[in-house]
């Protein structure tokens, strides 16, 4: 997924995505030549993590 696609999916700004990635709070992107992409499955797992944590309580 491109950063724009990720931004639209999770409803957050591009800069916040890069910032969270730098802090280790968001999946790392994969470099493909000149471009970067995020794996869709990793982004979807990141989205589901808060719900999974609530379910374990």
PDB file of N, CA and C in Angstrom:
ATOM      1  N   UNK A   1       0.848  -1.171   0.000  1.00  0.00           N
ATOM      2  CA  UNK A   1       0.000   0.000   0.000  1.00  0.00           C
ATOM      3  C   UNK A   1       0.896   1.237   0.000  1.00  0.00           C
ATOM      4  N   UNK A   2       0.496   2.247  -0.693  1.00  0.00           N
ATOM      5  CA  UNK A   2       1.218   3.520  -0.654  1.00  0.00           C
ATOM      6  C   UNK A   2       0.874   4.243   0.640  1.00  0.00           C
ATOM      7  N   UNK A   3       1.664   5.241   0.967  1.00  0.00           N
ATOM      8  CA  UNK A   3       1.387   6.005   2.186  1.00  0.00           C
ATOM      9  C   UNK A   3       0.037   6.707   2.081  1.00  0.00           C
ATOM     10  N   UNK A   4      -0.328   7.119   0.892  1.00  0.00           N
ATOM     11  CA  UNK A   4      -1.630   7.764   0.705  1.00  0.00           C
ATOM     12  C   UNK A   4      -2.768   6.780   0.957  1.00  0.00           C
ATOM     13  N   UNK A   5      -2.603   5.535   0.497  1.00  0.00           N
ATOM     14  CA  UNK A   5      -3.621   4.513   0.729  1.00  0.00           C
ATOM     15  C   UNK A   5      -3.728   4.183   2.215  1.00  0.00           C
ATOM     16  N   UNK A   6      -2.590   4.073   2.872  1.00  0.00           N
ATOM     17  CA  UNK A   6      -2.589   3.809   4.318  1.00  0.00           C
ATOM     18  C   UNK A   6      -3.275   4.956   5.052  1.00  0.00           C
ATOM     19  N   UNK A   7      -2.938   6.178   4.681  1.00  0.00           N
ATOM     20  CA  UNK A   7      -3.525   7.363   5.315  1.00  0.00           C
ATOM     21  C   UNK A   7      -5.044   7.357   5.186  1.00  0.00           C
ATOM     22  N   UNK A   8      -5.524   7.039   4.006  1.00  0.00           N
ATOM     23  CA  UNK A   8      -6.974   7.005   3.786  1.00  0.00           C
ATOM     24  C   UNK A   8      -7.620   5.880   4.585  1.00  0.00           C
ATOM     25  N   UNK A   9      -6.973   4.723   4.629  1.00  0.00           N
ATOM     26  CA  UNK A   9      -7.533   3.574   5.335  1.00  0.00           C
ATOM     27  C   UNK A   9      -7.644   3.820   6.832  1.00  0.00           C
ATOM     28  N   UNK A  10      -6.596   4.397   7.430  1.00  0.00           N
ATOM     29  CA  UNK A  10      -6.610   4.546   8.891  1.00  0.00           C
ATOM     30  C   UNK A  10      -7.071   5.931   9.351  1.00  0.00           C
ATOM     31  N   UNK A  11      -7.259   6.850   8.412  1.00  0.00           N
ATOM     32  CA  UNK A  11      -7.772   8.169   8.768  1.00  0.00           C
ATOM     33  C   UNK A  11      -6.775   9.030   9.509  1.00  0.00           C
ATOM     34  N   UNK A  12      -5.492   8.878   9.177  1.00  0.00           N
ATOM     35  CA  UNK A  12      -4.447   9.683   9.815  1.00  0.00           C
ATOM     36  C   UNK A  12      -3.592  10.325   8.747  1.00  0.00           C
ATOM     37  N   UNK A  13      -2.894  11.372   9.128  1.00  0.00           N
ATOM     38  CA  UNK A  13      -2.078  12.108   8.166  1.00  0.00           C
ATOM     39  C   UNK A  13      -0.828  11.321   7.795  1.00  0.00           C
ATOM     40  N   UNK A  14      -0.299  11.652   6.645  1.00  0.00           N
ATOM     41  CA  UNK A  14       0.935  11.033   6.167  1.00  0.00           C
ATOM     42  C   UNK A  14       2.065  11.277   7.168  1.00  0.00           C
ATOM     43  N   UNK A  15       2.165  12.494   7.675  1.00  0.00           N
ATOM     44  CA  UNK A  15       3.254  12.799   8.612  1.00  0.00           C
ATOM     45  C   UNK A  15       3.125  12.000   9.905  1.00  0.00           C
ATOM     46  N   UNK A  16       1.914  11.749  10.378  1.00  0.00           N
ATOM     47  CA  UNK A  16       1.751  10.958  11.598  1.00  0.00           C
ATOM     48  C   UNK A  16       2.126   9.505  11.359  1.00  0.00           C
ATOM     49  N   UNK A  17       1.882   9.001  10.162  1.00  0.00           N
ATOM     50  CA  UNK A  17       2.267   7.634   9.826  1.00  0.00           C
ATOM     51  C   UNK A  17       3.782   7.505   9.854  1.00  0.00           C
ATOM     52  N   UNK A  18       4.473   8.436   9.199  1.00  0.00           N
ATOM     53  CA  UNK A  18       5.934   8.404   9.194  1.00  0.00           C
ATOM     54  C   UNK A  18       6.492   8.571  10.613  1.00  0.00           C
ATOM     55  N   UNK A  19       5.881   9.442  11.395  1.00  0.00           N
ATOM     56  CA  UNK A  19       6.339   9.658  12.768  1.00  0.00           C
ATOM     57  C   UNK A  19       6.173   8.414  13.618  1.00  0.00           C
ATOM     58  N   UNK A  20       5.018   7.755  13.505  1.00  0.00           N
ATOM     59  CA  UNK A  20       4.791   6.530  14.275  1.00  0.00           C
ATOM     60  C   UNK A  20       5.709   5.409  13.808  1.00  0.00           C
ATOM     61  N   UNK A  21       5.974   5.350  12.521  1.00  0.00           N
ATOM     62  CA  UNK A  21       6.897   4.343  12.009  1.00  0.00           C
ATOM     63  C   UNK A  21       8.293   4.559  12.613  1.00  0.00           C
ATOM     64  N   UNK A  22       8.711   5.796  12.663  1.00  0.00           N
ATOM     65  CA  UNK A  22      10.029   6.120  13.216  1.00  0.00           C
ATOM     66  C   UNK A  22      10.121   5.739  14.693  1.00  0.00           C
ATOM     67  N   UNK A  23       9.013   5.891  15.438  1.00  0.00           N
ATOM     68  CA  UNK A  23       8.980   5.544  16.859  1.00  0.00           C
ATOM     69  C   UNK A  23       8.798   4.042  17.095  1.00  0.00           C
ATOM     70  N   UNK A  24       8.551   3.301  16.020  1.00  0.00           N
ATOM     71  CA  UNK A  24       8.324   1.865  16.165  1.00  0.00           C
ATOM     72  C   UNK A  24       6.891   1.514  16.504  1.00  0.00           C
ATOM     73  N   UNK A  25       5.990   2.480  16.363  1.00  0.00           N
ATOM     74  CA  UNK A  25       4.592   2.274  16.710  1.00  0.00           C
ATOM     75  C   UNK A  25       3.721   1.960  15.490  1.00  0.00           C
ATOM     76  N   UNK A  26       4.333   1.779  14.347  1.00  0.00           N
ATOM     77  CA  UNK A  26       3.614   1.461  13.118  1.00  0.00           C
ATOM     78  C   UNK A  26       4.512   0.543  12.298  1.00  0.00           C
ATOM     79  N   UNK A  27       3.937  -0.363  11.516  1.00  0.00           N
ATOM     80  CA  UNK A  27       4.766  -1.281  10.719  1.00  0.00           C
ATOM     81  C   UNK A  27       5.756  -0.535   9.815  1.00  0.00           C
ATOM     82  N   UNK A  28       6.908  -1.167   9.606  1.00  0.00           N
ATOM     83  CA  UNK A  28       7.924  -0.589   8.725  1.00  0.00           C
ATOM     84  C   UNK A  28       7.511  -0.752   7.269  1.00  0.00           C
ATOM     85  N   UNK A  29       7.866   0.224   6.475  1.00  0.00           N
ATOM     86  CA  UNK A  29       7.599   0.119   5.040  1.00  0.00           C
ATOM     87  C   UNK A  29       8.684  -0.714   4.376  1.00  0.00           C
ATOM     88  N   UNK A  30       8.384  -1.158   3.199  1.00  0.00           N
ATOM     89  CA  UNK A  30       9.311  -1.950   2.404  1.00  0.00           C
ATOM     90  C   UNK A  30       9.750  -1.095   1.223  1.00  0.00           C
ATOM     91  N   UNK A  31      11.046  -0.975   1.033  1.00  0.00           N
ATOM     92  CA  UNK A  31      11.575  -0.209  -0.099  1.00  0.00           C
ATOM     93  C   UNK A  31      11.542  -1.084  -1.343  1.00  0.00           C
ATOM     94  N   UNK A  32      10.954  -0.558  -2.404  1.00  0.00           N
ATOM     95  CA  UNK A  32      10.896  -1.230  -3.699  1.00  0.00           C
ATOM     96  C   UNK A  32      11.444  -0.275  -4.740  1.00  0.00           C
ATOM     97  N   UNK A  33      12.738  -0.367  -4.992  1.00  0.00           N
ATOM     98  CA  UNK A  33      13.371   0.577  -5.905  1.00  0.00           C
ATOM     99  C   UNK A  33      13.295   1.976  -5.324  1.00  0.00           C
ATOM    100  N   UNK A  34      12.686   2.884  -6.066  1.00  0.00           N
ATOM    101  CA  UNK A  34      12.553   4.275  -5.627  1.00  0.00           C
ATOM    102  C   UNK A  34      11.346   4.514  -4.730  1.00  0.00           C
ATOM    103  N   UNK A  35      10.479   3.535  -4.629  1.00  0.00           N
ATOM    104  CA  UNK A  35       9.253   3.748  -3.865  1.00  0.00           C
ATOM    105  C   UNK A  35       9.233   2.910  -2.591  1.00  0.00           C
ATOM    106  N   UNK A  36       8.298   3.223  -1.734  1.00  0.00           N
ATOM    107  CA  UNK A  36       8.089   2.493  -0.487  1.00  0.00           C
ATOM    108  C   UNK A  36       6.642   2.054  -0.427  1.00  0.00           C
ATOM    109  N   UNK A  37       6.420   0.901   0.154  1.00  0.00           N
ATOM    110  CA  UNK A  37       5.067   0.382   0.313  1.00  0.00           C
ATOM    111  C   UNK A  37       4.939  -0.294   1.666  1.00  0.00           C
ATOM    112  N   UNK A  38       3.714  -0.350   2.164  1.00  0.00           N
ATOM    113  CA  UNK A  38       3.403  -1.101   3.367  1.00  0.00           C
ATOM    114  C   UNK A  38       2.651  -2.346   2.958  1.00  0.00           C
ATOM    115  N   UNK A  39       2.930  -3.432   3.677  1.00  0.00           N
ATOM    116  CA  UNK A  39       2.184  -4.666   3.429  1.00  0.00           C
ATOM    117  C   UNK A  39       0.779  -4.492   3.994  1.00  0.00           C
ATOM    118  N   UNK A  40      -0.214  -4.805   3.196  1.00  0.00           N
ATOM    119  CA  UNK A  40      -1.607  -4.663   3.616  1.00  0.00           C
ATOM    120  C   UNK A  40      -1.893  -5.501   4.854  1.00  0.00           C
ATOM    121  N   UNK A  41      -1.399  -6.721   4.887  1.00  0.00           N
ATOM    122  CA  UNK A  41      -1.676  -7.589   6.034  1.00  0.00           C
ATOM    123  C   UNK A  41      -1.103  -7.012   7.326  1.00  0.00           C
ATOM    124  N   UNK A  42       0.064  -6.377   7.272  1.00  0.00           N
ATOM    125  CA  UNK A  42       0.662  -5.788   8.470  1.00  0.00           C
ATOM    126  C   UNK A  42      -0.131  -4.565   8.941  1.00  0.00           C
ATOM    127  N   UNK A  43      -0.626  -3.781   8.011  1.00  0.00           N
ATOM    128  CA  UNK A  43      -1.436  -2.615   8.385  1.00  0.00           C
ATOM    129  C   UNK A  43      -2.753  -3.076   9.006  1.00  0.00           C
ATOM    130  N   UNK A  44      -3.370  -4.102   8.435  1.00  0.00           N
ATOM    131  CA  UNK A  44      -4.630  -4.601   8.987  1.00  0.00           C
ATOM    132  C   UNK A  44      -4.432  -5.193  10.377  1.00  0.00           C
ATOM    133  N   UNK A  45      -3.328  -5.869  10.622  1.00  0.00           N
ATOM    134  CA  UNK A  45      -3.023  -6.386  11.965  1.00  0.00           C
ATOM    135  C   UNK A  45      -2.855  -5.218  12.930  1.00  0.00           C
ATOM    136  N   UNK A  46      -2.160  -4.160  12.503  1.00  0.00           N
ATOM    137  CA  UNK A  46      -1.960  -2.977  13.340  1.00  0.00           C
ATOM    138  C   UNK A  46      -3.320  -2.369  13.708  1.00  0.00           C
ATOM    139  N   UNK A  47      -4.239  -2.335  12.769  1.00  0.00           N
ATOM    140  CA  UNK A  47      -5.579  -1.791  13.023  1.00  0.00           C
ATOM    141  C   UNK A  47      -6.302  -2.637  14.074  1.00  0.00           C
ATOM    142  N   UNK A  48      -6.157  -3.940  14.001  1.00  0.00           N
ATOM    143  CA  UNK A  48      -6.881  -4.858  14.886  1.00  0.00           C
ATOM    144  C   UNK A  48      -6.261  -4.998  16.271  1.00  0.00           C
ATOM    145  N   UNK A  49      -5.024  -4.598  16.460  1.00  0.00           N
ATOM    146  CA  UNK A  49      -4.345  -4.789  17.751  1.00  0.00           C
ATOM    147  C   UNK A  49      -5.100  -4.214  18.950  1.00  0.00           C
ATOM    148  N   UNK A  50      -5.609  -2.985  18.887  1.00  0.00           N
ATOM    149  CA  UNK A  50      -6.328  -2.468  20.068  1.00  0.00           C
ATOM    150  C   UNK A  50      -7.545  -3.310  20.443  1.00  0.00           C
ATOM    151  N   UNK A  51      -8.272  -3.807  19.452  1.00  0.00           N
ATOM    152  CA  UNK A  51      -9.442  -4.638  19.735  1.00  0.00           C
ATOM    153  C   UNK A  51      -9.017  -5.970  20.338  1.00  0.00           C
ATOM    154  N   UNK A  52      -7.912  -6.528  19.847  1.00  0.00           N
ATOM    155  CA  UNK A  52      -7.423  -7.795  20.385  1.00  0.00           C
ATOM    156  C   UNK A  52      -6.981  -7.627  21.841  1.00  0.00           C
ATOM    157  N   UNK A  53      -6.367  -6.508  22.162  1.00  0.00           N
ATOM    158  CA  UNK A  53      -5.949  -6.249  23.544  1.00  0.00           C
ATOM    159  C   UNK A  53      -7.153  -6.127  24.463  1.00  0.00           C
ATOM    160  N   UNK A  54      -8.226  -5.467  23.983  1.00  0.00           N
ATOM    161  CA  UNK A  54      -9.447  -5.342  24.797  1.00  0.00           C
ATOM    162  C   UNK A  54     -10.080  -6.709  25.038  1.00  0.00           C
ATOM    163  N   UNK A  55     -10.046  -7.567  24.029  1.00  0.00           N
ATOM    164  CA  UNK A  55     -10.661  -8.893  24.147  1.00  0.00           C
ATOM    165  C   UNK A  55      -9.928  -9.770  25.143  1.00  0.00           C
ATOM    166  N   UNK A  56      -8.631  -9.535  25.340  1.00  0.00           N
ATOM    167  CA  UNK A  56      -7.840 -10.354  26.268  1.00  0.00           C
ATOM    168  C   UNK A  56      -8.038  -9.919  27.710  1.00  0.00           C
ATOM    169  N   UNK A  57      -8.648  -8.789  27.955  1.00  0.00           N
ATOM    170  CA  UNK A  57      -8.826  -8.297  29.331  1.00  0.00           C
ATOM    171  C   UNK A  57      -9.842  -9.085  30.091  1.00  0.00           C
TER     172      UNK A  57
END
